[in-house]
Every structure is written in C-alpha cells, then in structure tokens.
Amino acid sequence: MEKRKPIKRHSALQPLSRQHHFGLLFSWKIRKGFSKNVEINRMQAYAKWFFKQEIEPHFYDEETYVFPILEEGNELVERALKEHRQLKRLFNDTENPGKTLHQLEEELDAHIRFEERILFNEIQKVATEEQLQKIEEVHSNLEKSPDYHDPFWE
C-alpha cells in the first residue's frame, strides 16, 4: 500500500484539521463500540452529544468562514454541503439506531478524508492572506470539548 505524505496545512486551517481528527476518533469509537457489543443507546447518546459539542459548531464554521473562499457553486463545496446535510440527518435519525450509527461512522470518516485531502487543499491554494487571517482569528480561542462521561469504547 502506498504511504501518503503528510499534508502541510496552513496554520489558519490547523484547528479545523484538529477537529477533523476528533471526528475520525468518533468513527473509531463507534466501530469499537460495535466490536465490543456495547448497547446501541449508549453509542446513540454519545453521537447526540458529539453532534452538539463538535459537529454543529464545526459545520457552521466551515460553511461560514472556509467554504466561501471558493467561488459560489464550486463542485467541491457543493459536495461538502451535501455531505453536511446527509450527516446532520444521520446524527438526528432515531428510526434504526444500529444501522444509522454504522452508516454515520462510515460517512463521517469518508467526508473528513475528502475535506482534508481534497477540499482543504484547494481552499489553501486560493485563499488570500486576509481570508486565512479571518479564519485564524475566529478559531484562535477554540475550546476543547469536555470529555464524554461514558467511555464505552475503552
């Protein structure tokens, strides 16, 4: 398997990339929960908490400060927005929690990898220093979310 070179991320985008790391950890924790036969309602409670603490504010920041750097109608941004809508639906779906959680961990993982490997690279290429400075200002005081009270994945 080909080893990927680490992506050199502009400092303004690094806080968002760190949040992406936590999203990948979320997916890992859900997979771990399934492998340990953890009760679905425990994982569902974690997903609800993670959505409010991490995903909602992260999507807002991307959609407000980062995506507009590319021209309106950009196909990469359109794809990201479509995936954001789908992920929001999955985080809020309570119909079939087991199936939804499986789908959620897979789609969130794929979405983050798309943003990190493709979309953010494109944004980084065209962003002006002023735009990056604005992103940096907005994210300079990001607080780490509190730890979740039920580490079912351990």
N, C-alpha and C. Protein backbone atom coordinates (compact mmCIF):
# COMPACT_ATOMS: atom_id res chain seq x y z
N MET A 1 0.84 -1.19 0.00
CA MET A 1 0.00 0.00 0.00
C MET A 1 0.88 1.24 0.00
N GLU A 2 0.51 2.22 -0.78
CA GLU A 2 1.27 3.45 -0.91
C GLU A 2 1.11 4.30 0.35
N LYS A 3 2.23 4.79 0.87
CA LYS A 3 2.19 5.64 2.07
C LYS A 3 1.95 7.08 1.63
N ARG A 4 0.98 7.74 2.28
CA ARG A 4 0.66 9.13 1.96
C ARG A 4 1.62 10.06 2.67
N LYS A 5 2.02 11.10 1.95
CA LYS A 5 2.83 12.14 2.56
C LYS A 5 1.93 13.01 3.41
N PRO A 6 2.39 13.42 4.59
CA PRO A 6 1.57 14.31 5.40
C PRO A 6 1.29 15.61 4.65
N ILE A 7 0.09 16.13 4.85
CA ILE A 7 -0.31 17.37 4.19
C ILE A 7 0.18 18.54 5.04
N LYS A 8 0.81 19.50 4.38
CA LYS A 8 1.27 20.70 5.06
C LYS A 8 0.08 21.67 5.09
N ARG A 9 -0.53 21.78 6.27
CA ARG A 9 -1.73 22.59 6.44
C ARG A 9 -1.36 23.98 6.95
N HIS A 10 -1.93 25.00 6.33
CA HIS A 10 -1.72 26.38 6.78
C HIS A 10 -2.19 26.49 8.23
N SER A 11 -1.50 27.28 9.03
CA SER A 11 -1.81 27.40 10.46
C SER A 11 -3.26 27.83 10.71
N ALA A 12 -3.83 28.61 9.81
CA ALA A 12 -5.22 29.06 9.98
C ALA A 12 -6.20 27.90 9.91
N LEU A 13 -5.86 26.87 9.15
CA LEU A 13 -6.76 25.73 8.98
C LEU A 13 -6.46 24.59 9.96
N GLN A 14 -5.36 24.69 10.68
CA GLN A 14 -4.99 23.61 11.59
C GLN A 14 -6.02 23.32 12.68
N PRO A 15 -6.67 24.34 13.28
CA PRO A 15 -7.70 24.00 14.28
C PRO A 15 -8.85 23.18 13.68
N LEU A 16 -9.24 23.48 12.45
CA LEU A 16 -10.29 22.70 11.79
C LEU A 16 -9.80 21.28 11.50
N SER A 17 -8.54 21.15 11.12
CA SER A 17 -7.97 19.82 10.89
C SER A 17 -7.91 19.01 12.19
N ARG A 18 -7.63 19.70 13.31
CA ARG A 18 -7.65 19.01 14.61
C ARG A 18 -9.06 18.52 14.92
N GLN A 19 -10.05 19.36 14.60
CA GLN A 19 -11.43 18.92 14.81
C GLN A 19 -11.75 17.72 13.92
N HIS A 20 -11.21 17.71 12.73
CA HIS A 20 -11.39 16.54 11.85
C HIS A 20 -10.82 15.30 12.51
N HIS A 21 -9.69 15.46 13.15
CA HIS A 21 -9.08 14.32 13.86
C HIS A 21 -10.07 13.76 14.90
N PHE A 22 -10.75 14.66 15.63
CA PHE A 22 -11.72 14.21 16.63
C PHE A 22 -12.91 13.52 15.96
N GLY A 23 -13.26 13.97 14.76
CA GLY A 23 -14.33 13.30 14.01
C GLY A 23 -13.93 11.89 13.62
N LEU A 24 -12.67 11.73 13.20
CA LEU A 24 -12.18 10.38 12.87
C LEU A 24 -12.17 9.51 14.13
N LEU A 25 -11.81 10.10 15.26
CA LEU A 25 -11.85 9.36 16.53
C LEU A 25 -13.27 8.95 16.88
N PHE A 26 -14.24 9.83 16.61
CA PHE A 26 -15.64 9.49 16.84
C PHE A 26 -15.98 8.21 16.08
N SER A 27 -15.64 8.18 14.79
CA SER A 27 -15.94 7.00 13.97
C SER A 27 -15.26 5.76 14.54
N TRP A 28 -14.02 5.90 14.96
CA TRP A 28 -13.29 4.78 15.55
C TRP A 28 -13.99 4.30 16.82
N LYS A 29 -14.44 5.23 17.66
CA LYS A 29 -15.10 4.87 18.92
C LYS A 29 -16.40 4.12 18.66
N ILE A 30 -17.14 4.55 17.65
CA ILE A 30 -18.39 3.85 17.31
C ILE A 30 -18.07 2.44 16.81
N ARG A 31 -17.06 2.32 15.94
CA ARG A 31 -16.67 0.98 15.47
C ARG A 31 -16.25 0.11 16.65
N LYS A 32 -15.48 0.69 17.57
CA LYS A 32 -15.01 -0.04 18.75
C LYS A 32 -16.22 -0.49 19.59
N GLY A 33 -17.19 0.42 19.74
CA GLY A 33 -18.40 0.08 20.49
C GLY A 33 -19.12 -1.11 19.88
N PHE A 34 -19.24 -1.14 18.56
CA PHE A 34 -19.88 -2.27 17.89
C PHE A 34 -19.07 -3.56 18.12
N SER A 35 -17.77 -3.46 18.04
CA SER A 35 -16.94 -4.66 18.20
C SER A 35 -17.01 -5.21 19.63
N LYS A 36 -17.35 -4.35 20.58
CA LYS A 36 -17.47 -4.77 21.98
C LYS A 36 -18.93 -5.04 22.38
N ASN A 37 -19.81 -5.02 21.39
CA ASN A 37 -21.24 -5.23 21.63
C ASN A 37 -21.82 -4.29 22.68
N VAL A 38 -21.41 -3.05 22.63
CA VAL A 38 -21.93 -2.02 23.53
C VAL A 38 -23.39 -1.75 23.15
N GLU A 39 -24.21 -1.47 24.15
CA GLU A 39 -25.62 -1.18 23.89
C GLU A 39 -25.74 0.01 22.94
N ILE A 40 -26.62 -0.13 21.97
CA ILE A 40 -26.83 0.90 20.95
C ILE A 40 -27.18 2.25 21.58
N ASN A 41 -28.02 2.22 22.63
CA ASN A 41 -28.46 3.50 23.21
C ASN A 41 -27.29 4.27 23.83
N ARG A 42 -26.26 3.59 24.31
CA ARG A 42 -25.08 4.28 24.84
C ARG A 42 -24.33 4.98 23.71
N MET A 43 -24.16 4.27 22.59
CA MET A 43 -23.47 4.89 21.46
C MET A 43 -24.31 6.01 20.84
N GLN A 44 -25.61 5.82 20.83
CA GLN A 44 -26.51 6.84 20.29
C GLN A 44 -26.45 8.11 21.15
N ALA A 45 -26.37 7.95 22.46
CA ALA A 45 -26.26 9.11 23.36
C ALA A 45 -24.94 9.85 23.10
N TYR A 46 -23.89 9.09 22.87
CA TYR A 46 -22.60 9.71 22.56
C TYR A 46 -22.68 10.48 21.23
N ALA A 47 -23.31 9.87 20.24
CA ALA A 47 -23.45 10.54 18.93
C ALA A 47 -24.23 11.85 19.07
N LYS A 48 -25.27 11.83 19.87
CA LYS A 48 -26.07 13.04 20.08
C LYS A 48 -25.22 14.12 20.76
N TRP A 49 -24.46 13.73 21.76
CA TRP A 49 -23.58 14.67 22.47
C TRP A 49 -22.51 15.21 21.51
N PHE A 50 -21.88 14.33 20.73
CA PHE A 50 -20.81 14.72 19.82
C PHE A 50 -21.33 15.69 18.75
N PHE A 51 -22.53 15.45 18.28
CA PHE A 51 -23.12 16.33 17.28
C PHE A 51 -23.25 17.75 17.83
N LYS A 52 -23.79 17.88 19.04
CA LYS A 52 -23.98 19.21 19.64
C LYS A 52 -22.64 19.86 19.98
N GLN A 53 -21.70 19.11 20.54
CA GLN A 53 -20.42 19.66 21.01
C GLN A 53 -19.45 19.96 19.88
N GLU A 54 -19.40 19.10 18.89
CA GLU A 54 -18.35 19.17 17.87
C GLU A 54 -18.86 19.46 16.45
N ILE A 55 -19.81 18.66 16.01
CA ILE A 55 -20.20 18.71 14.59
C ILE A 55 -20.94 19.99 14.23
N GLU A 56 -21.96 20.35 14.99
CA GLU A 56 -22.72 21.56 14.66
C GLU A 56 -21.84 22.80 14.59
N PRO A 57 -21.03 23.08 15.61
CA PRO A 57 -20.18 24.28 15.50
C PRO A 57 -19.13 24.18 14.39
N HIS A 58 -18.62 22.98 14.17
CA HIS A 58 -17.61 22.78 13.13
C HIS A 58 -18.22 23.04 11.74
N PHE A 59 -19.38 22.47 11.47
CA PHE A 59 -20.04 22.69 10.18
C PHE A 59 -20.34 24.17 9.99
N TYR A 60 -20.81 24.83 11.04
CA TYR A 60 -21.11 26.26 10.96
C TYR A 60 -19.86 27.04 10.56
N ASP A 61 -18.75 26.77 11.21
CA ASP A 61 -17.51 27.48 10.91
C ASP A 61 -17.04 27.23 9.48
N GLU A 62 -17.10 25.98 9.05
CA GLU A 62 -16.69 25.68 7.68
C GLU A 62 -17.58 26.42 6.68
N GLU A 63 -18.89 26.34 6.89
CA GLU A 63 -19.84 26.92 5.94
C GLU A 63 -19.80 28.44 5.95
N THR A 64 -19.46 29.04 7.09
CA THR A 64 -19.46 30.50 7.22
C THR A 64 -18.13 31.12 6.81
N TYR A 65 -17.01 30.51 7.19
CA TYR A 65 -15.71 31.14 7.02
C TYR A 65 -14.79 30.48 5.99
N VAL A 66 -14.96 29.19 5.76
CA VAL A 66 -13.99 28.47 4.93
C VAL A 66 -14.51 28.23 3.52
N PHE A 67 -15.69 27.65 3.38
CA PHE A 67 -16.20 27.32 2.05
C PHE A 67 -16.36 28.53 1.14
N PRO A 68 -16.79 29.71 1.66
CA PRO A 68 -16.96 30.87 0.78
C PRO A 68 -15.66 31.35 0.11
N ILE A 69 -14.52 30.84 0.53
CA ILE A 69 -13.26 31.20 -0.12
C ILE A 69 -13.27 30.76 -1.58
N LEU A 70 -13.89 29.63 -1.86
CA LEU A 70 -14.01 29.16 -3.24
C LEU A 70 -15.25 29.81 -3.86
N GLU A 71 -15.25 29.90 -5.18
CA GLU A 71 -16.34 30.57 -5.88
C GLU A 71 -17.68 29.86 -5.62
N GLU A 72 -18.74 30.66 -5.66
CA GLU A 72 -20.08 30.11 -5.45
C GLU A 72 -20.35 29.04 -6.50
N GLY A 73 -20.95 27.95 -6.06
CA GLY A 73 -21.27 26.86 -6.97
C GLY A 73 -20.12 25.90 -7.21
N ASN A 74 -18.99 26.10 -6.53
CA ASN A 74 -17.85 25.20 -6.69
C ASN A 74 -18.29 23.78 -6.38
N GLU A 75 -17.93 22.85 -7.25
CA GLU A 75 -18.42 21.47 -7.10
C GLU A 75 -17.91 20.80 -5.82
N LEU A 76 -16.70 21.15 -5.38
CA LEU A 76 -16.17 20.57 -4.14
C LEU A 76 -16.96 21.07 -2.93
N VAL A 77 -17.26 22.36 -2.93
CA VAL A 77 -18.05 22.94 -1.84
C VAL A 77 -19.46 22.36 -1.87
N GLU A 78 -20.04 22.25 -3.07
CA GLU A 78 -21.38 21.68 -3.19
C GLU A 78 -21.41 20.25 -2.64
N ARG A 79 -20.38 19.49 -2.93
CA ARG A 79 -20.30 18.12 -2.40
C ARG A 79 -20.22 18.15 -0.88
N ALA A 80 -19.37 19.02 -0.33
CA ALA A 80 -19.22 19.11 1.12
C ALA A 80 -20.54 19.51 1.78
N LEU A 81 -21.24 20.49 1.20
CA LEU A 81 -22.52 20.92 1.77
C LEU A 81 -23.56 19.80 1.73
N LYS A 82 -23.58 19.06 0.63
CA LYS A 82 -24.50 17.92 0.50
C LYS A 82 -24.17 16.88 1.58
N GLU A 83 -22.88 16.61 1.77
CA GLU A 83 -22.48 15.64 2.80
C GLU A 83 -22.81 16.16 4.20
N HIS A 84 -22.66 17.46 4.43
CA HIS A 84 -23.04 18.04 5.73
C HIS A 84 -24.53 17.77 5.99
N ARG A 85 -25.37 18.02 4.99
CA ARG A 85 -26.82 17.79 5.16
C ARG A 85 -27.10 16.32 5.48
N GLN A 86 -26.45 15.42 4.76
CA GLN A 86 -26.66 13.99 4.99
C GLN A 86 -26.18 13.59 6.39
N LEU A 87 -25.03 14.09 6.80
CA LEU A 87 -24.52 13.75 8.13
C LEU A 87 -25.42 14.30 9.23
N LYS A 88 -25.94 15.50 9.05
CA LYS A 88 -26.89 16.06 10.03
C LYS A 88 -28.12 15.16 10.15
N ARG A 89 -28.63 14.69 9.01
CA ARG A 89 -29.79 13.78 9.03
C ARG A 89 -29.44 12.51 9.80
N LEU A 90 -28.26 11.96 9.55
CA LEU A 90 -27.88 10.73 10.23
C LEU A 90 -27.72 10.95 11.74
N PHE A 91 -27.10 12.05 12.13
CA PHE A 91 -26.94 12.33 13.55
C PHE A 91 -28.29 12.49 14.25
N ASN A 92 -29.30 12.93 13.52
CA ASN A 92 -30.62 13.17 14.12
C ASN A 92 -31.62 12.05 13.88
N ASP A 93 -31.22 11.01 13.15
CA ASP A 93 -32.11 9.90 12.83
C ASP A 93 -32.20 8.94 14.01
N THR A 94 -33.41 8.69 14.48
CA THR A 94 -33.59 7.75 15.59
C THR A 94 -34.40 6.52 15.18
N GLU A 95 -34.72 6.40 13.90
CA GLU A 95 -35.55 5.29 13.41
C GLU A 95 -34.90 3.92 13.61
N ASN A 96 -33.69 3.77 13.12
CA ASN A 96 -32.99 2.49 13.19
C ASN A 96 -31.57 2.77 13.68
N PRO A 97 -31.39 2.96 14.99
CA PRO A 97 -30.11 3.47 15.51
C PRO A 97 -28.88 2.62 15.16
N GLY A 98 -29.01 1.33 15.17
CA GLY A 98 -27.85 0.48 14.85
C GLY A 98 -27.38 0.70 13.43
N LYS A 99 -28.30 0.65 12.49
CA LYS A 99 -27.97 0.86 11.08
C LYS A 99 -27.46 2.28 10.86
N THR A 100 -28.11 3.24 11.49
CA THR A 100 -27.73 4.64 11.33
C THR A 100 -26.32 4.90 11.86
N LEU A 101 -25.99 4.34 13.01
CA LEU A 101 -24.65 4.53 13.57
C LEU A 101 -23.57 3.94 12.67
N HIS A 102 -23.85 2.76 12.11
CA HIS A 102 -22.90 2.16 11.16
C HIS A 102 -22.69 3.09 9.97
N GLN A 103 -23.79 3.57 9.42
CA GLN A 103 -23.72 4.45 8.25
C GLN A 103 -23.02 5.76 8.62
N LEU A 104 -23.33 6.27 9.79
CA LEU A 104 -22.76 7.54 10.25
C LEU A 104 -21.24 7.45 10.38
N GLU A 105 -20.76 6.40 11.03
CA GLU A 105 -19.30 6.31 11.22
C GLU A 105 -18.59 6.16 9.89
N GLU A 106 -19.18 5.48 8.94
CA GLU A 106 -18.56 5.33 7.62
C GLU A 106 -18.58 6.64 6.84
N GLU A 107 -19.74 7.29 6.81
CA GLU A 107 -19.88 8.51 6.01
C GLU A 107 -19.11 9.68 6.61
N LEU A 108 -19.06 9.78 7.94
CA LEU A 108 -18.29 10.86 8.56
C LEU A 108 -16.81 10.67 8.27
N ASP A 109 -16.34 9.45 8.37
CA ASP A 109 -14.93 9.14 8.07
C ASP A 109 -14.60 9.53 6.63
N ALA A 110 -15.43 9.12 5.69
CA ALA A 110 -15.19 9.43 4.26
C ALA A 110 -15.27 10.94 4.01
N HIS A 111 -16.21 11.61 4.66
CA HIS A 111 -16.37 13.05 4.48
C HIS A 111 -15.12 13.80 4.97
N ILE A 112 -14.64 13.44 6.12
CA ILE A 112 -13.46 14.10 6.68
C ILE A 112 -12.26 13.89 5.77
N ARG A 113 -12.08 12.69 5.29
CA ARG A 113 -10.94 12.41 4.40
C ARG A 113 -11.05 13.21 3.10
N PHE A 114 -12.26 13.37 2.58
CA PHE A 114 -12.47 14.21 1.40
C PHE A 114 -12.08 15.66 1.71
N GLU A 115 -12.57 16.19 2.82
CA GLU A 115 -12.25 17.58 3.14
C GLU A 115 -10.75 17.77 3.34
N GLU A 116 -10.12 16.88 4.05
CA GLU A 116 -8.69 17.03 4.35
C GLU A 116 -7.81 16.85 3.11
N ARG A 117 -8.12 15.85 2.31
CA ARG A 117 -7.23 15.51 1.18
C ARG A 117 -7.52 16.33 -0.08
N ILE A 118 -8.75 16.79 -0.23
CA ILE A 118 -9.12 17.46 -1.48
C ILE A 118 -9.58 18.90 -1.24
N LEU A 119 -10.67 19.06 -0.51
CA LEU A 119 -11.28 20.39 -0.37
C LEU A 119 -10.36 21.39 0.33
N PHE A 120 -9.80 21.05 1.46
CA PHE A 120 -8.94 22.00 2.18
C PHE A 120 -7.69 22.33 1.37
N ASN A 121 -7.17 21.37 0.62
CA ASN A 121 -6.01 21.66 -0.22
C ASN A 121 -6.36 22.70 -1.28
N GLU A 122 -7.55 22.56 -1.85
CA GLU A 122 -7.99 23.52 -2.87
C GLU A 122 -8.19 24.91 -2.25
N ILE A 123 -8.81 24.95 -1.10
CA ILE A 123 -9.04 26.22 -0.40
C ILE A 123 -7.71 26.86 -0.06
N GLN A 124 -6.79 26.07 0.43
CA GLN A 124 -5.48 26.57 0.83
C GLN A 124 -4.73 27.18 -0.37
N LYS A 125 -4.94 26.62 -1.55
CA LYS A 125 -4.28 27.11 -2.76
C LYS A 125 -4.75 28.51 -3.15
N VAL A 126 -6.03 28.79 -2.97
CA VAL A 126 -6.59 30.03 -3.50
C VAL A 126 -6.87 31.10 -2.45
N ALA A 127 -6.83 30.73 -1.18
CA ALA A 127 -7.15 31.69 -0.12
C ALA A 127 -6.14 32.82 -0.05
N THR A 128 -6.65 34.02 0.19
CA THR A 128 -5.76 35.17 0.39
C THR A 128 -5.29 35.17 1.84
N GLU A 129 -4.26 35.93 2.10
CA GLU A 129 -3.77 36.05 3.48
C GLU A 129 -4.86 36.64 4.37
N GLU A 130 -5.65 37.58 3.84
CA GLU A 130 -6.73 38.19 4.62
C GLU A 130 -7.78 37.15 5.01
N GLN A 131 -8.13 36.29 4.06
CA GLN A 131 -9.13 35.26 4.34
C GLN A 131 -8.60 34.28 5.39
N LEU A 132 -7.35 33.89 5.24
CA LEU A 132 -6.76 32.96 6.22
C LEU A 132 -6.65 33.62 7.59
N GLN A 133 -6.33 34.91 7.60
CA GLN A 133 -6.23 35.65 8.87
C GLN A 133 -7.59 35.65 9.58
N LYS A 134 -8.67 35.85 8.82
CA LYS A 134 -10.01 35.87 9.40
C LYS A 134 -10.34 34.50 10.02
N ILE A 135 -10.01 33.44 9.32
CA ILE A 135 -10.24 32.08 9.84
C ILE A 135 -9.45 31.88 11.12
N GLU A 136 -8.20 32.34 11.09
CA GLU A 136 -7.33 32.19 12.27
C GLU A 136 -7.90 32.96 13.46
N GLU A 137 -8.40 34.17 13.23
CA GLU A 137 -8.99 34.96 14.32
C GLU A 137 -10.19 34.25 14.93
N VAL A 138 -11.04 33.72 14.08
CA VAL A 138 -12.26 33.05 14.55
C VAL A 138 -11.91 31.81 15.38
N HIS A 139 -10.85 31.12 15.01
CA HIS A 139 -10.51 29.87 15.67
C HIS A 139 -9.41 29.98 16.72
N SER A 140 -8.96 31.19 16.98
CA SER A 140 -7.86 31.34 17.93
C SER A 140 -8.26 30.99 19.36
N ASN A 141 -9.54 31.05 19.66
CA ASN A 141 -9.97 30.76 21.02
C ASN A 141 -10.87 29.53 21.10
N LEU A 142 -10.66 28.58 20.23
CA LEU A 142 -11.44 27.35 20.28
C LEU A 142 -11.15 26.62 21.58
N GLU A 143 -12.21 26.23 22.24
CA GLU A 143 -12.04 25.48 23.48
C GLU A 143 -12.22 24.01 23.17
N LYS A 144 -11.47 23.20 23.90
CA LYS A 144 -11.63 21.75 23.76
C LYS A 144 -12.92 21.34 24.45
N SER A 145 -13.68 20.48 23.80
CA SER A 145 -14.91 19.99 24.42
C SER A 145 -14.57 19.18 25.65
N PRO A 146 -15.47 19.18 26.62
CA PRO A 146 -15.23 18.35 27.79
C PRO A 146 -15.21 16.87 27.38
N ASP A 147 -14.58 16.04 28.17
CA ASP A 147 -14.57 14.61 27.88
C ASP A 147 -15.97 14.04 28.07
N TYR A 148 -16.29 13.07 27.26
CA TYR A 148 -17.60 12.44 27.38
C TYR A 148 -17.61 11.55 28.61
N HIS A 149 -18.72 11.51 29.31
CA HIS A 149 -18.83 10.84 30.61
C HIS A 149 -18.88 9.32 30.56
N ASP A 150 -19.10 8.73 29.38
CA ASP A 150 -19.24 7.27 29.28
C ASP A 150 -18.30 6.73 28.21
N PRO A 151 -17.06 6.46 28.55
CA PRO A 151 -16.10 5.97 27.54
C PRO A 151 -16.32 4.48 27.20
N PHE A 152 -17.43 4.21 26.51
CA PHE A 152 -17.82 2.83 26.18
C PHE A 152 -16.80 2.12 25.31
N TRP A 153 -15.95 2.85 24.62
CA TRP A 153 -15.01 2.29 23.67
C TRP A 153 -13.76 1.71 24.35
N GLU A 154 -13.56 1.99 25.62
CA GLU A 154 -12.33 1.53 26.31
C GLU A 154 -12.41 0.06 26.66
